[in-house]
Amino acid sequence: NQLFVCAVNGCGTVGRVQSTGHSAVYDPWGTNLLEMNTNEGLSSVDIDLTVVKDIRNKINIFRDRKPELYNL
């Protein structure tokens, strides 16, 4: 989707629900920038928003649109 993805998950047990952790951050190319483990923790990662502009210039999805087919 040509954007950064921050996948946040809890960890530990709440009642009968077990959360597995492994929160992660991925860049628009799918490169893993951060992955947490199963323990509670806090982390941060710097993201370069110019990467989004770069990928949108290289993979221009709007060029392939065909609005006449959408029947909206």
PDB file of N, CA and C in Angstrom:
ATOM      1  N   ASN A   1       0.809  -1.209   0.000  1.00  0.00           N
ATOM      2  CA  ASN A   1       0.000   0.000   0.000  1.00  0.00           C
ATOM      3  C   ASN A   1       0.847   1.265   0.000  1.00  0.00           C
ATOM      4  N   GLN A   2       2.127   1.107  -0.168  1.00  0.00           N
ATOM      5  CA  GLN A   2       3.039   2.241  -0.281  1.00  0.00           C
ATOM      6  C   GLN A   2       3.012   3.151   0.943  1.00  0.00           C
ATOM      7  N   LEU A   3       3.009   2.531   2.113  1.00  0.00           N
ATOM      8  CA  LEU A   3       3.026   3.297   3.354  1.00  0.00           C
ATOM      9  C   LEU A   3       3.734   2.504   4.440  1.00  0.00           C
ATOM     10  N   PHE A   4       4.054   3.173   5.514  1.00  0.00           N
ATOM     11  CA  PHE A   4       4.639   2.494   6.668  1.00  0.00           C
ATOM     12  C   PHE A   4       3.539   1.753   7.414  1.00  0.00           C
ATOM     13  N   VAL A   5       3.867   0.604   7.953  1.00  0.00           N
ATOM     14  CA  VAL A   5       2.904  -0.179   8.724  1.00  0.00           C
ATOM     15  C   VAL A   5       3.468  -0.366  10.128  1.00  0.00           C
ATOM     16  N   CYS A   6       2.680   0.038  11.118  1.00  0.00           N
ATOM     17  CA  CYS A   6       3.014  -0.192  12.522  1.00  0.00           C
ATOM     18  C   CYS A   6       2.010  -1.212  13.052  1.00  0.00           C
ATOM     19  N   ALA A   7       2.472  -2.435  13.233  1.00  0.00           N
ATOM     20  CA  ALA A   7       1.611  -3.522  13.702  1.00  0.00           C
ATOM     21  C   ALA A   7       1.842  -3.686  15.196  1.00  0.00           C
ATOM     22  N   VAL A   8       0.887  -3.253  15.981  1.00  0.00           N
ATOM     23  CA  VAL A   8       1.033  -3.234  17.436  1.00  0.00           C
ATOM     24  C   VAL A   8       0.203  -4.347  18.052  1.00  0.00           C
ATOM     25  N   ASN A   9       0.817  -5.122  18.927  1.00  0.00           N
ATOM     26  CA  ASN A   9       0.122  -6.231  19.565  1.00  0.00           C
ATOM     27  C   ASN A   9       0.455  -6.228  21.053  1.00  0.00           C
ATOM     28  N   GLY A  10      -0.483  -6.640  21.855  1.00  0.00           N
ATOM     29  CA  GLY A  10      -0.247  -6.785  23.278  1.00  0.00           C
ATOM     30  C   GLY A  10       0.570  -8.036  23.567  1.00  0.00           C
ATOM     31  N   CYS A  11       0.960  -8.182  24.821  1.00  0.00           N
ATOM     32  CA  CYS A  11       1.666  -9.398  25.230  1.00  0.00           C
ATOM     33  C   CYS A  11       1.166  -9.795  26.616  1.00  0.00           C
ATOM     34  N   GLY A  12       1.332 -11.056  26.928  1.00  0.00           N
ATOM     35  CA  GLY A  12       0.889 -11.542  28.226  1.00  0.00           C
ATOM     36  C   GLY A  12      -0.528 -12.082  28.171  1.00  0.00           C
ATOM     37  N   THR A  13      -1.090 -12.301  29.349  1.00  0.00           N
ATOM     38  CA  THR A  13      -2.413 -12.909  29.455  1.00  0.00           C
ATOM     39  C   THR A  13      -3.372 -11.963  30.162  1.00  0.00           C
ATOM     40  N   VAL A  14      -4.558 -11.836  29.590  1.00  0.00           N
ATOM     41  CA  VAL A  14      -5.646 -11.083  30.206  1.00  0.00           C
ATOM     42  C   VAL A  14      -6.831 -12.039  30.255  1.00  0.00           C
ATOM     43  N   GLY A  15      -7.163 -12.504  31.445  1.00  0.00           N
ATOM     44  CA  GLY A  15      -8.208 -13.521  31.568  1.00  0.00           C
ATOM     45  C   GLY A  15      -7.750 -14.798  30.886  1.00  0.00           C
ATOM     46  N   ARG A  16      -8.535 -15.256  29.925  1.00  0.00           N
ATOM     47  CA  ARG A  16      -8.167 -16.464  29.179  1.00  0.00           C
ATOM     48  C   ARG A  16      -7.525 -16.138  27.828  1.00  0.00           C
ATOM     49  N   VAL A  17      -7.307 -14.866  27.569  1.00  0.00           N
ATOM     50  CA  VAL A  17      -6.748 -14.452  26.282  1.00  0.00           C
ATOM     51  C   VAL A  17      -5.231 -14.276  26.403  1.00  0.00           C
ATOM     52  N   GLN A  18      -4.500 -14.997  25.566  1.00  0.00           N
ATOM     53  CA  GLN A  18      -3.037 -14.896  25.524  1.00  0.00           C
ATOM     54  C   GLN A  18      -2.641 -14.082  24.301  1.00  0.00           C
ATOM     55  N   SER A  19      -1.965 -12.958  24.515  1.00  0.00           N
ATOM     56  CA  SER A  19      -1.448 -12.153  23.407  1.00  0.00           C
ATOM     57  C   SER A  19       0.022 -12.514  23.192  1.00  0.00           C
ATOM     58  N   THR A  20       0.437 -12.490  21.952  1.00  0.00           N
ATOM     59  CA  THR A  20       1.763 -13.032  21.623  1.00  0.00           C
ATOM     60  C   THR A  20       2.856 -12.001  21.424  1.00  0.00           C
ATOM     61  N   GLY A  21       2.543 -10.721  21.500  1.00  0.00           N
ATOM     62  CA  GLY A  21       3.583  -9.718  21.312  1.00  0.00           C
ATOM     63  C   GLY A  21       4.000  -9.610  19.863  1.00  0.00           C
ATOM     64  N   HIS A  22       5.275  -9.416  19.641  1.00  0.00           N
ATOM     65  CA  HIS A  22       5.880  -9.292  18.307  1.00  0.00           C
ATOM     66  C   HIS A  22       5.349  -8.094  17.521  1.00  0.00           C
ATOM     67  N   SER A  23       5.151  -6.961  18.205  1.00  0.00           N
ATOM     68  CA  SER A  23       4.810  -5.734  17.487  1.00  0.00           C
ATOM     69  C   SER A  23       5.947  -5.432  16.516  1.00  0.00           C
ATOM     70  N   ALA A  24       5.620  -4.773  15.391  1.00  0.00           N
ATOM     71  CA  ALA A  24       6.634  -4.540  14.371  1.00  0.00           C
ATOM     72  C   ALA A  24       6.327  -3.278  13.574  1.00  0.00           C
ATOM     73  N   VAL A  25       7.359  -2.765  12.906  1.00  0.00           N
ATOM     74  CA  VAL A  25       7.232  -1.630  11.994  1.00  0.00           C
ATOM     75  C   VAL A  25       7.894  -2.026  10.678  1.00  0.00           C
ATOM     76  N   TYR A  26       7.171  -1.786   9.565  1.00  0.00           N
ATOM     77  CA  TYR A  26       7.682  -2.098   8.234  1.00  0.00           C
ATOM     78  C   TYR A  26       7.647  -0.844   7.373  1.00  0.00           C
ATOM     79  N   ASP A  27       8.641  -0.707   6.501  1.00  0.00           N
ATOM     80  CA  ASP A  27       8.628   0.425   5.579  1.00  0.00           C
ATOM     81  C   ASP A  27       7.817   0.063   4.336  1.00  0.00           C
ATOM     82  N   PRO A  28       7.588   1.017   3.419  1.00  0.00           N
ATOM     83  CA  PRO A  28       6.759   0.732   2.246  1.00  0.00           C
ATOM     84  C   PRO A  28       7.293  -0.378   1.340  1.00  0.00           C
ATOM     85  N   TRP A  29       8.569  -0.689   1.425  1.00  0.00           N
ATOM     86  CA  TRP A  29       9.142  -1.773   0.622  1.00  0.00           C
ATOM     87  C   TRP A  29       9.001  -3.121   1.310  1.00  0.00           C
ATOM     88  N   GLY A  30       8.475  -3.123   2.541  1.00  0.00           N
ATOM     89  CA  GLY A  30       8.310  -4.371   3.275  1.00  0.00           C
ATOM     90  C   GLY A  30       9.492  -4.726   4.154  1.00  0.00           C
ATOM     91  N   THR A  31      10.439  -3.817   4.272  1.00  0.00           N
ATOM     92  CA  THR A  31      11.606  -4.044   5.118  1.00  0.00           C
ATOM     93  C   THR A  31      11.217  -3.883   6.578  1.00  0.00           C
ATOM     94  N   ASN A  32      11.574  -4.861   7.394  1.00  0.00           N
ATOM     95  CA  ASN A  32      11.281  -4.808   8.828  1.00  0.00           C
ATOM     96  C   ASN A  32      12.239  -3.826   9.491  1.00  0.00           C
ATOM     97  N   LEU A  33      11.688  -2.750  10.058  1.00  0.00           N
ATOM     98  CA  LEU A  33      12.502  -1.748  10.728  1.00  0.00           C
ATOM     99  C   LEU A  33      12.607  -1.997  12.225  1.00  0.00           C
ATOM    100  N   LEU A  34      11.633  -2.716  12.777  1.00  0.00           N
ATOM    101  CA  LEU A  34      11.606  -2.989  14.218  1.00  0.00           C
ATOM    102  C   LEU A  34      10.715  -4.196  14.463  1.00  0.00           C
ATOM    103  N   GLU A  35      11.184  -5.084  15.318  1.00  0.00           N
ATOM    104  CA  GLU A  35      10.318  -6.178  15.769  1.00  0.00           C
ATOM    105  C   GLU A  35      10.585  -6.414  17.246  1.00  0.00           C
ATOM    106  N   MET A  36       9.524  -6.356  18.004  1.00  0.00           N
ATOM    107  CA  MET A  36       9.605  -6.595  19.439  1.00  0.00           C
ATOM    108  C   MET A  36       9.520  -8.101  19.682  1.00  0.00           C
ATOM    109  N   ASN A  37       9.791  -8.516  20.909  1.00  0.00           N
ATOM    110  CA  ASN A  37       9.667  -9.932  21.251  1.00  0.00           C
ATOM    111  C   ASN A  37       8.364 -10.154  22.007  1.00  0.00           C
ATOM    112  N   THR A  38       8.286 -11.182  22.809  1.00  0.00           N
ATOM    113  CA  THR A  38       7.039 -11.514  23.515  1.00  0.00           C
ATOM    114  C   THR A  38       6.925 -10.827  24.871  1.00  0.00           C
ATOM    115  N   ASN A  39       7.950 -10.098  25.272  1.00  0.00           N
ATOM    116  CA  ASN A  39       7.933  -9.429  26.580  1.00  0.00           C
ATOM    117  C   ASN A  39       7.394  -8.004  26.466  1.00  0.00           C
ATOM    118  N   GLU A  40       6.847  -7.524  27.560  1.00  0.00           N
ATOM    119  CA  GLU A  40       6.398  -6.142  27.608  1.00  0.00           C
ATOM    120  C   GLU A  40       7.594  -5.227  27.436  1.00  0.00           C
ATOM    121  N   GLY A  41       7.434  -4.185  26.647  1.00  0.00           N
ATOM    122  CA  GLY A  41       8.548  -3.267  26.436  1.00  0.00           C
ATOM    123  C   GLY A  41       8.111  -2.038  25.678  1.00  0.00           C
ATOM    124  N   LEU A  42       9.048  -1.146  25.521  1.00  0.00           N
ATOM    125  CA  LEU A  42       8.813   0.106  24.816  1.00  0.00           C
ATOM    126  C   LEU A  42       9.990   0.312  23.882  1.00  0.00           C
ATOM    127  N   SER A  43       9.689   0.672  22.651  1.00  0.00           N
ATOM    128  CA  SER A  43      10.759   0.895  21.686  1.00  0.00           C
ATOM    129  C   SER A  43      10.307   1.952  20.707  1.00  0.00           C
ATOM    130  N   SER A  44      11.247   2.498  19.977  1.00  0.00           N
ATOM    131  CA  SER A  44      10.910   3.481  18.951  1.00  0.00           C
ATOM    132  C   SER A  44      11.822   3.261  17.750  1.00  0.00           C
ATOM    133  N   VAL A  45      11.379   3.779  16.625  1.00  0.00           N
ATOM    134  CA  VAL A  45      12.162   3.686  15.397  1.00  0.00           C
ATOM    135  C   VAL A  45      11.944   4.977  14.618  1.00  0.00           C
ATOM    136  N   ASP A  46      12.990   5.484  14.007  1.00  0.00           N
ATOM    137  CA  ASP A  46      12.870   6.666  13.163  1.00  0.00           C
ATOM    138  C   ASP A  46      12.419   6.228  11.780  1.00  0.00           C
ATOM    139  N   ILE A  47      11.446   6.931  11.219  1.00  0.00           N
ATOM    140  CA  ILE A  47      11.002   6.636   9.859  1.00  0.00           C
ATOM    141  C   ILE A  47      11.249   7.863   8.990  1.00  0.00           C
ATOM    142  N   ASP A  48      11.644   7.613   7.763  1.00  0.00           N
ATOM    143  CA  ASP A  48      11.929   8.666   6.796  1.00  0.00           C
ATOM    144  C   ASP A  48      10.753   8.768   5.839  1.00  0.00           C
ATOM    145  N   LEU A  49       9.932   9.779   5.998  1.00  0.00           N
ATOM    146  CA  LEU A  49       8.719   9.911   5.196  1.00  0.00           C
ATOM    147  C   LEU A  49       9.000  10.198   3.725  1.00  0.00           C
ATOM    148  N   THR A  50      10.240  10.594   3.382  1.00  0.00           N
ATOM    149  CA  THR A  50      10.563  10.788   1.969  1.00  0.00           C
ATOM    150  C   THR A  50      10.578   9.455   1.229  1.00  0.00           C
ATOM    151  N   VAL A  51      10.688   8.345   1.946  1.00  0.00           N
ATOM    152  CA  VAL A  51      10.625   7.016   1.332  1.00  0.00           C
ATOM    153  C   VAL A  51       9.260   6.812   0.676  1.00  0.00           C
ATOM    154  N   VAL A  52       8.197   7.318   1.297  1.00  0.00           N
ATOM    155  CA  VAL A  52       6.847   7.185   0.743  1.00  0.00           C
ATOM    156  C   VAL A  52       6.765   7.911  -0.601  1.00  0.00           C
ATOM    157  N   LYS A  53       7.280   9.121  -0.658  1.00  0.00           N
ATOM    158  CA  LYS A  53       7.254   9.878  -1.911  1.00  0.00           C
ATOM    159  C   LYS A  53       8.070   9.158  -2.981  1.00  0.00           C
ATOM    160  N   ASP A  54       9.207   8.615  -2.602  1.00  0.00           N
ATOM    161  CA  ASP A  54      10.067   7.898  -3.537  1.00  0.00           C
ATOM    162  C   ASP A  54       9.363   6.678  -4.124  1.00  0.00           C
ATOM    163  N   ILE A  55       8.757   5.873  -3.272  1.00  0.00           N
ATOM    164  CA  ILE A  55       8.087   4.663  -3.773  1.00  0.00           C
ATOM    165  C   ILE A  55       6.872   5.019  -4.613  1.00  0.00           C
ATOM    166  N   ARG A  56       6.155   6.059  -4.273  1.00  0.00           N
ATOM    167  CA  ARG A  56       4.984   6.447  -5.061  1.00  0.00           C
ATOM    168  C   ARG A  56       5.389   6.982  -6.434  1.00  0.00           C
ATOM    169  N   ASN A  57       6.593   7.542  -6.526  1.00  0.00           N
ATOM    170  CA  ASN A  57       7.102   7.960  -7.838  1.00  0.00           C
ATOM    171  C   ASN A  57       7.545   6.758  -8.666  1.00  0.00           C
ATOM    172  N   LYS A  58       8.088   5.746  -8.021  1.00  0.00           N
ATOM    173  CA  LYS A  58       8.592   4.570  -8.733  1.00  0.00           C
ATOM    174  C   LYS A  58       7.478   3.599  -9.110  1.00  0.00           C
ATOM    175  N   ILE A  59       6.464   3.472  -8.261  1.00  0.00           N
ATOM    176  CA  ILE A  59       5.346   2.564  -8.524  1.00  0.00           C
ATOM    177  C   ILE A  59       4.070   3.403  -8.489  1.00  0.00           C
ATOM    178  N   ASN A  60       3.759   3.999  -9.605  1.00  0.00           N
ATOM    179  CA  ASN A  60       2.624   4.915  -9.670  1.00  0.00           C
ATOM    180  C   ASN A  60       1.339   4.133  -9.939  1.00  0.00           C
ATOM    181  N   ILE A  61       0.650   3.758  -8.870  1.00  0.00           N
ATOM    182  CA  ILE A  61      -0.574   2.964  -9.007  1.00  0.00           C
ATOM    183  C   ILE A  61      -1.711   3.754  -9.656  1.00  0.00           C
ATOM    184  N   PHE A  62      -1.698   5.062  -9.551  1.00  0.00           N
ATOM    185  CA  PHE A  62      -2.777   5.871 -10.109  1.00  0.00           C
ATOM    186  C   PHE A  62      -2.747   5.867 -11.639  1.00  0.00           C
ATOM    187  N   ARG A  63      -1.607   5.592 -12.221  1.00  0.00           N
ATOM    188  CA  ARG A  63      -1.476   5.525 -13.669  1.00  0.00           C
ATOM    189  C   ARG A  63      -2.303   4.358 -14.241  1.00  0.00           C
ATOM    190  N   ASP A  64      -2.509   3.321 -13.433  1.00  0.00           N
ATOM    191  CA  ASP A  64      -3.232   2.125 -13.874  1.00  0.00           C
ATOM    192  C   ASP A  64      -4.730   2.152 -13.568  1.00  0.00           C
ATOM    193  N   ARG A  65      -5.208   3.216 -12.970  1.00  0.00           N
ATOM    194  CA  ARG A  65      -6.623   3.285 -12.618  1.00  0.00           C
ATOM    195  C   ARG A  65      -7.506   3.312 -13.848  1.00  0.00           C
ATOM    196  N   LYS A  66      -8.689   2.740 -13.727  1.00  0.00           N
ATOM    197  CA  LYS A  66      -9.686   2.762 -14.781  1.00  0.00           C
ATOM    198  C   LYS A  66     -11.048   3.112 -14.157  1.00  0.00           C
ATOM    199  N   PRO A  67     -11.230   4.391 -13.791  1.00  0.00           N
ATOM    200  CA  PRO A  67     -12.448   4.813 -13.095  1.00  0.00           C
ATOM    201  C   PRO A  67     -13.733   4.471 -13.851  1.00  0.00           C
ATOM    202  N   GLU A  68     -13.666   4.375 -15.172  1.00  0.00           N
ATOM    203  CA  GLU A  68     -14.869   4.067 -15.939  1.00  0.00           C
ATOM    204  C   GLU A  68     -15.387   2.659 -15.665  1.00  0.00           C
ATOM    205  N   LEU A  69     -14.593   1.806 -15.029  1.00  0.00           N
ATOM    206  CA  LEU A  69     -14.993   0.432 -14.717  1.00  0.00           C
ATOM    207  C   LEU A  69     -15.526   0.250 -13.294  1.00  0.00           C
ATOM    208  N   TYR A  70     -15.495   1.290 -12.482  1.00  0.00           N
ATOM    209  CA  TYR A  70     -15.804   1.139 -11.054  1.00  0.00           C
ATOM    210  C   TYR A  70     -17.289   1.077 -10.739  1.00  0.00           C
ATOM    211  N   ASN A  71     -18.153   1.576 -11.565  1.00  0.00           N
ATOM    212  CA  ASN A  71     -19.607   1.544 -11.346  1.00  0.00           C
ATOM    213  C   ASN A  71     -19.997   2.048  -9.958  1.00  0.00           C
ATOM    214  N   LEU A  72     -19.467   3.159  -9.561  1.00  0.00           N
ATOM    215  CA  LEU A  72     -19.815   3.709  -8.242  1.00  0.00           C
ATOM    216  C   LEU A  72     -21.008   4.605  -8.303  1.00  0.00           C
TER     217      LEU A  72
END
